[in-house]
């Protein structure tokens, strides 16, 4: 009967035998990061920001410190001014001030549908559609706009 070996013992034995270099073993590493959970940025115009993201139809939750905007299984936390301006709040980038976000959303529809959706929400397109390299290591078509605090919003369509 064959014994099952762990991945680590297999790689260690392979390196010891000289078949794989140490750099290749290190490249496997122990990094278990699989994606983003959320990003957090300060906001200045809380009421306008809440109205804007609601009008676009994003699911949201609010509390006294932040507004969370859900994008699929990720979220953007917008810290309220009373939170990010509080000197006791140190779990943030100390130099971050609105606008400090540049968010790229994946649009799962056509460019025409995106244009209509943005127009219906009274969102002014700043640029696009234009071809851009995306996080999925493919080229997509991007359209750019801004939220009330001036954060850049990119909507990318992958073919």
C-alpha atoms as a PDB file:
ATOM      1  CA  UNK A   1       0.000   0.000   0.000  1.00  0.00           C
ATOM      2  CA  UNK A   2       1.258   3.470  -0.910  1.00  0.00           C
ATOM      3  CA  UNK A   3       1.618   6.084   1.840  1.00  0.00           C
ATOM      4  CA  UNK A   4       0.284   9.523   1.191  1.00  0.00           C
ATOM      5  CA  UNK A   5       2.984  12.211   1.517  1.00  0.00           C
ATOM      6  CA  UNK A   6       2.351  15.794   2.382  1.00  0.00           C
ATOM      7  CA  UNK A   7       3.047  18.428  -0.228  1.00  0.00           C
ATOM      8  CA  UNK A   8       5.774  19.896   1.987  1.00  0.00           C
ATOM      9  CA  UNK A   9       7.589  16.558   2.438  1.00  0.00           C
ATOM     10  CA  UNK A  10       7.362  15.873  -1.291  1.00  0.00           C
ATOM     11  CA  UNK A  11       8.836  19.286  -2.156  1.00  0.00           C
ATOM     12  CA  UNK A  12      11.530  19.000   0.518  1.00  0.00           C
ATOM     13  CA  UNK A  13      12.586  15.600  -0.837  1.00  0.00           C
ATOM     14  CA  UNK A  14      12.524  16.908  -4.406  1.00  0.00           C
ATOM     15  CA  UNK A  15      14.737  19.887  -3.515  1.00  0.00           C
ATOM     16  CA  UNK A  16      17.112  17.620  -1.595  1.00  0.00           C
ATOM     17  CA  UNK A  17      17.380  15.432  -4.698  1.00  0.00           C
ATOM     18  CA  UNK A  18      18.283  18.543  -6.710  1.00  0.00           C
ATOM     19  CA  UNK A  19      15.294  18.381  -9.030  1.00  0.00           C
ATOM     20  CA  UNK A  20      13.849  21.758  -7.982  1.00  0.00           C
ATOM     21  CA  UNK A  21      15.760  24.838  -6.829  1.00  0.00           C
ATOM     22  CA  UNK A  22      15.208  26.411  -3.425  1.00  0.00           C
ATOM     23  CA  UNK A  23      13.774  29.536  -5.086  1.00  0.00           C
ATOM     24  CA  UNK A  24      11.009  27.467  -6.645  1.00  0.00           C
ATOM     25  CA  UNK A  25      10.154  26.009  -3.256  1.00  0.00           C
ATOM     26  CA  UNK A  26      10.071  29.471  -1.698  1.00  0.00           C
ATOM     27  CA  UNK A  27       7.838  30.694  -4.526  1.00  0.00           C
ATOM     28  CA  UNK A  28       5.189  28.270  -3.258  1.00  0.00           C
ATOM     29  CA  UNK A  29       5.489  30.067   0.090  1.00  0.00           C
ATOM     30  CA  UNK A  30       2.965  30.132   2.865  1.00  0.00           C
ATOM     31  CA  UNK A  31       0.973  33.154   1.594  1.00  0.00           C
ATOM     32  CA  UNK A  32      -2.679  32.219   1.813  1.00  0.00           C
ATOM     33  CA  UNK A  33      -4.138  35.543   0.637  1.00  0.00           C
ATOM     34  CA  UNK A  34      -6.959  34.711  -1.757  1.00  0.00           C
ATOM     35  CA  UNK A  35      -8.411  38.145  -2.472  1.00  0.00           C
ATOM     36  CA  UNK A  36      -9.693  41.380  -0.971  1.00  0.00           C
ATOM     37  CA  UNK A  37     -12.341  41.408   1.726  1.00  0.00           C
ATOM     38  CA  UNK A  38     -12.764  45.169   1.892  1.00  0.00           C
ATOM     39  CA  UNK A  39     -11.119  48.533   1.421  1.00  0.00           C
ATOM     40  CA  UNK A  40     -11.679  51.495   3.721  1.00  0.00           C
ATOM     41  CA  UNK A  41     -11.415  55.173   2.857  1.00  0.00           C
ATOM     42  CA  UNK A  42     -12.520  58.391   4.542  1.00  0.00           C
ATOM     43  CA  UNK A  43     -15.549  60.296   3.279  1.00  0.00           C
ATOM     44  CA  UNK A  44     -16.422  63.945   3.678  1.00  0.00           C
ATOM     45  CA  UNK A  45     -19.963  64.367   2.369  1.00  0.00           C
ATOM     46  CA  UNK A  46     -21.717  61.495   4.165  1.00  0.00           C
ATOM     47  CA  UNK A  47     -25.328  62.301   3.174  1.00  0.00           C
ATOM     48  CA  UNK A  48     -24.445  62.848  -0.497  1.00  0.00           C
ATOM     49  CA  UNK A  49     -22.331  59.673  -0.571  1.00  0.00           C
ATOM     50  CA  UNK A  50     -25.106  57.545   0.944  1.00  0.00           C
ATOM     51  CA  UNK A  51     -27.657  58.954  -1.521  1.00  0.00           C
ATOM     52  CA  UNK A  52     -25.282  58.404  -4.468  1.00  0.00           C
ATOM     53  CA  UNK A  53     -24.481  54.748  -3.742  1.00  0.00           C
ATOM     54  CA  UNK A  54     -28.137  54.028  -2.896  1.00  0.00           C
ATOM     55  CA  UNK A  55     -29.233  55.540  -6.207  1.00  0.00           C
ATOM     56  CA  UNK A  56     -26.817  53.206  -7.981  1.00  0.00           C
ATOM     57  CA  UNK A  57     -28.466  50.295  -6.153  1.00  0.00           C
ATOM     58  CA  UNK A  58     -25.535  49.059  -4.071  1.00  0.00           C
ATOM     59  CA  UNK A  59     -26.545  47.159  -0.912  1.00  0.00           C
ATOM     60  CA  UNK A  60     -25.417  49.167   2.117  1.00  0.00           C
ATOM     61  CA  UNK A  61     -25.273  49.162   5.889  1.00  0.00           C
ATOM     62  CA  UNK A  62     -24.618  52.145   8.110  1.00  0.00           C
ATOM     63  CA  UNK A  63     -23.419  52.723  11.638  1.00  0.00           C
ATOM     64  CA  UNK A  64     -22.122  55.740  13.536  1.00  0.00           C
ATOM     65  CA  UNK A  65     -18.545  55.203  12.265  1.00  0.00           C
ATOM     66  CA  UNK A  66     -18.925  54.033   8.678  1.00  0.00           C
ATOM     67  CA  UNK A  67     -21.086  53.310   5.689  1.00  0.00           C
ATOM     68  CA  UNK A  68     -20.425  49.901   4.127  1.00  0.00           C
ATOM     69  CA  UNK A  69     -21.123  49.555   0.408  1.00  0.00           C
ATOM     70  CA  UNK A  70     -21.270  45.917  -0.747  1.00  0.00           C
ATOM     71  CA  UNK A  71     -19.869  44.918  -4.113  1.00  0.00           C
ATOM     72  CA  UNK A  72     -20.453  41.206  -4.633  1.00  0.00           C
ATOM     73  CA  UNK A  73     -18.674  39.464  -1.751  1.00  0.00           C
ATOM     74  CA  UNK A  74     -16.446  42.468  -1.002  1.00  0.00           C
ATOM     75  CA  UNK A  75     -17.159  45.860   0.498  1.00  0.00           C
ATOM     76  CA  UNK A  76     -15.946  49.415   0.706  1.00  0.00           C
ATOM     77  CA  UNK A  77     -16.098  51.004   4.144  1.00  0.00           C
ATOM     78  CA  UNK A  78     -16.453  54.759   3.959  1.00  0.00           C
ATOM     79  CA  UNK A  79     -15.387  56.164   7.332  1.00  0.00           C
ATOM     80  CA  UNK A  80     -17.544  59.054   8.468  1.00  0.00           C
ATOM     81  CA  UNK A  81     -15.768  62.390   9.129  1.00  0.00           C
ATOM     82  CA  UNK A  82     -16.301  62.069  12.892  1.00  0.00           C
ATOM     83  CA  UNK A  83     -14.407  58.773  12.727  1.00  0.00           C
ATOM     84  CA  UNK A  84     -11.448  59.523  10.449  1.00  0.00           C
ATOM     85  CA  UNK A  85     -10.893  62.981  11.954  1.00  0.00           C
ATOM     86  CA  UNK A  86     -10.788  61.553  15.508  1.00  0.00           C
ATOM     87  CA  UNK A  87      -7.110  61.552  16.639  1.00  0.00           C
ATOM     88  CA  UNK A  88      -7.812  58.436  18.726  1.00  0.00           C
ATOM     89  CA  UNK A  89      -8.706  56.469  15.571  1.00  0.00           C
ATOM     90  CA  UNK A  90      -5.348  55.109  14.456  1.00  0.00           C
ATOM     91  CA  UNK A  91      -6.365  52.046  12.429  1.00  0.00           C
ATOM     92  CA  UNK A  92      -6.272  53.918   9.127  1.00  0.00           C
ATOM     93  CA  UNK A  93      -3.769  55.486   6.787  1.00  0.00           C
ATOM     94  CA  UNK A  94      -2.828  58.671   8.670  1.00  0.00           C
ATOM     95  CA  UNK A  95      -2.549  60.834   5.545  1.00  0.00           C
ATOM     96  CA  UNK A  96      -5.790  59.692   3.908  1.00  0.00           C
ATOM     97  CA  UNK A  97      -8.273  62.469   3.239  1.00  0.00           C
ATOM     98  CA  UNK A  98     -11.188  62.529   0.807  1.00  0.00           C
ATOM     99  CA  UNK A  99     -11.042  61.856  -2.045  1.00  0.00           C
ATOM    100  CA  UNK A 100      -8.628  58.975  -1.653  1.00  0.00           C
ATOM    101  CA  UNK A 101     -10.320  56.101  -3.469  1.00  0.00           C
ATOM    102  CA  UNK A 102      -9.952  54.682  -6.944  1.00  0.00           C
ATOM    103  CA  UNK A 103     -12.377  51.782  -7.267  1.00  0.00           C
ATOM    104  CA  UNK A 104     -12.777  49.512 -10.263  1.00  0.00           C
ATOM    105  CA  UNK A 105     -16.063  47.609 -10.486  1.00  0.00           C
ATOM    106  CA  UNK A 106     -16.704  44.779 -12.941  1.00  0.00           C
ATOM    107  CA  UNK A 107     -19.816  45.468 -15.036  1.00  0.00           C
ATOM    108  CA  UNK A 108     -21.520  42.291 -16.246  1.00  0.00           C
ATOM    109  CA  UNK A 109     -23.502  43.913 -19.035  1.00  0.00           C
ATOM    110  CA  UNK A 110     -23.029  45.849 -22.225  1.00  0.00           C
ATOM    111  CA  UNK A 111     -21.483  49.297 -22.619  1.00  0.00           C
ATOM    112  CA  UNK A 112     -24.908  50.610 -23.690  1.00  0.00           C
ATOM    113  CA  UNK A 113     -26.548  49.216 -20.529  1.00  0.00           C
ATOM    114  CA  UNK A 114     -23.793  50.771 -18.378  1.00  0.00           C
ATOM    115  CA  UNK A 115     -24.278  54.144 -20.065  1.00  0.00           C
ATOM    116  CA  UNK A 116     -28.049  53.986 -19.460  1.00  0.00           C
ATOM    117  CA  UNK A 117     -27.585  52.920 -15.817  1.00  0.00           C
ATOM    118  CA  UNK A 118     -25.208  55.808 -15.131  1.00  0.00           C
ATOM    119  CA  UNK A 119     -27.460  58.313 -16.946  1.00  0.00           C
ATOM    120  CA  UNK A 120     -30.497  57.139 -14.958  1.00  0.00           C
ATOM    121  CA  UNK A 121     -28.556  57.782 -11.741  1.00  0.00           C
ATOM    122  CA  UNK A 122     -27.417  61.227 -13.008  1.00  0.00           C
ATOM    123  CA  UNK A 123     -23.781  60.144 -12.928  1.00  0.00           C
ATOM    124  CA  UNK A 124     -21.547  62.077 -15.319  1.00  0.00           C
ATOM    125  CA  UNK A 125     -19.115  59.944 -17.315  1.00  0.00           C
ATOM    126  CA  UNK A 126     -15.624  61.412 -17.122  1.00  0.00           C
ATOM    127  CA  UNK A 127     -13.978  59.151 -19.714  1.00  0.00           C
ATOM    128  CA  UNK A 128     -14.802  56.053 -21.669  1.00  0.00           C
ATOM    129  CA  UNK A 129     -15.315  53.552 -22.805  1.00  0.00           C
ATOM    130  CA  UNK A 130     -11.569  52.974 -23.273  1.00  0.00           C
ATOM    131  CA  UNK A 131      -9.453  49.798 -23.325  1.00  0.00           C
ATOM    132  CA  UNK A 132      -7.586  49.087 -20.076  1.00  0.00           C
ATOM    133  CA  UNK A 133      -5.606  46.239 -18.544  1.00  0.00           C
ATOM    134  CA  UNK A 134      -7.601  44.765 -15.677  1.00  0.00           C
ATOM    135  CA  UNK A 135      -6.995  42.855 -12.489  1.00  0.00           C
ATOM    136  CA  UNK A 136      -8.102  39.649 -14.153  1.00  0.00           C
ATOM    137  CA  UNK A 137      -4.975  39.838 -16.308  1.00  0.00           C
ATOM    138  CA  UNK A 138      -7.090  40.586 -19.350  1.00  0.00           C
ATOM    139  CA  UNK A 139      -7.968  43.733 -21.235  1.00  0.00           C
ATOM    140  CA  UNK A 140     -11.390  45.211 -20.720  1.00  0.00           C
ATOM    141  CA  UNK A 141     -13.370  48.278 -21.638  1.00  0.00           C
ATOM    142  CA  UNK A 142     -13.486  50.909 -18.876  1.00  0.00           C
ATOM    143  CA  UNK A 143     -15.796  53.835 -18.224  1.00  0.00           C
ATOM    144  CA  UNK A 144     -14.883  56.376 -15.522  1.00  0.00           C
ATOM    145  CA  UNK A 145     -17.006  58.570 -13.242  1.00  0.00           C
ATOM    146  CA  UNK A 146     -16.726  60.150  -9.758  1.00  0.00           C
ATOM    147  CA  UNK A 147     -18.768  59.920  -6.583  1.00  0.00           C
ATOM    148  CA  UNK A 148     -19.774  63.039  -4.559  1.00  0.00           C
ATOM    149  CA  UNK A 149     -16.465  63.043  -2.624  1.00  0.00           C
ATOM    150  CA  UNK A 150     -14.477  62.863  -5.872  1.00  0.00           C
ATOM    151  CA  UNK A 151     -13.348  59.230  -5.620  1.00  0.00           C
ATOM    152  CA  UNK A 152     -12.681  57.759  -9.047  1.00  0.00           C
ATOM    153  CA  UNK A 153     -15.059  54.970 -10.084  1.00  0.00           C
ATOM    154  CA  UNK A 154     -14.078  52.705 -12.946  1.00  0.00           C
ATOM    155  CA  UNK A 155     -16.577  50.290 -14.464  1.00  0.00           C
ATOM    156  CA  UNK A 156     -14.797  47.549 -16.434  1.00  0.00           C
ATOM    157  CA  UNK A 157     -16.414  45.249 -18.958  1.00  0.00           C
ATOM    158  CA  UNK A 158     -14.503  42.074 -19.818  1.00  0.00           C
ATOM    159  CA  UNK A 159     -15.357  40.481 -23.155  1.00  0.00           C
END
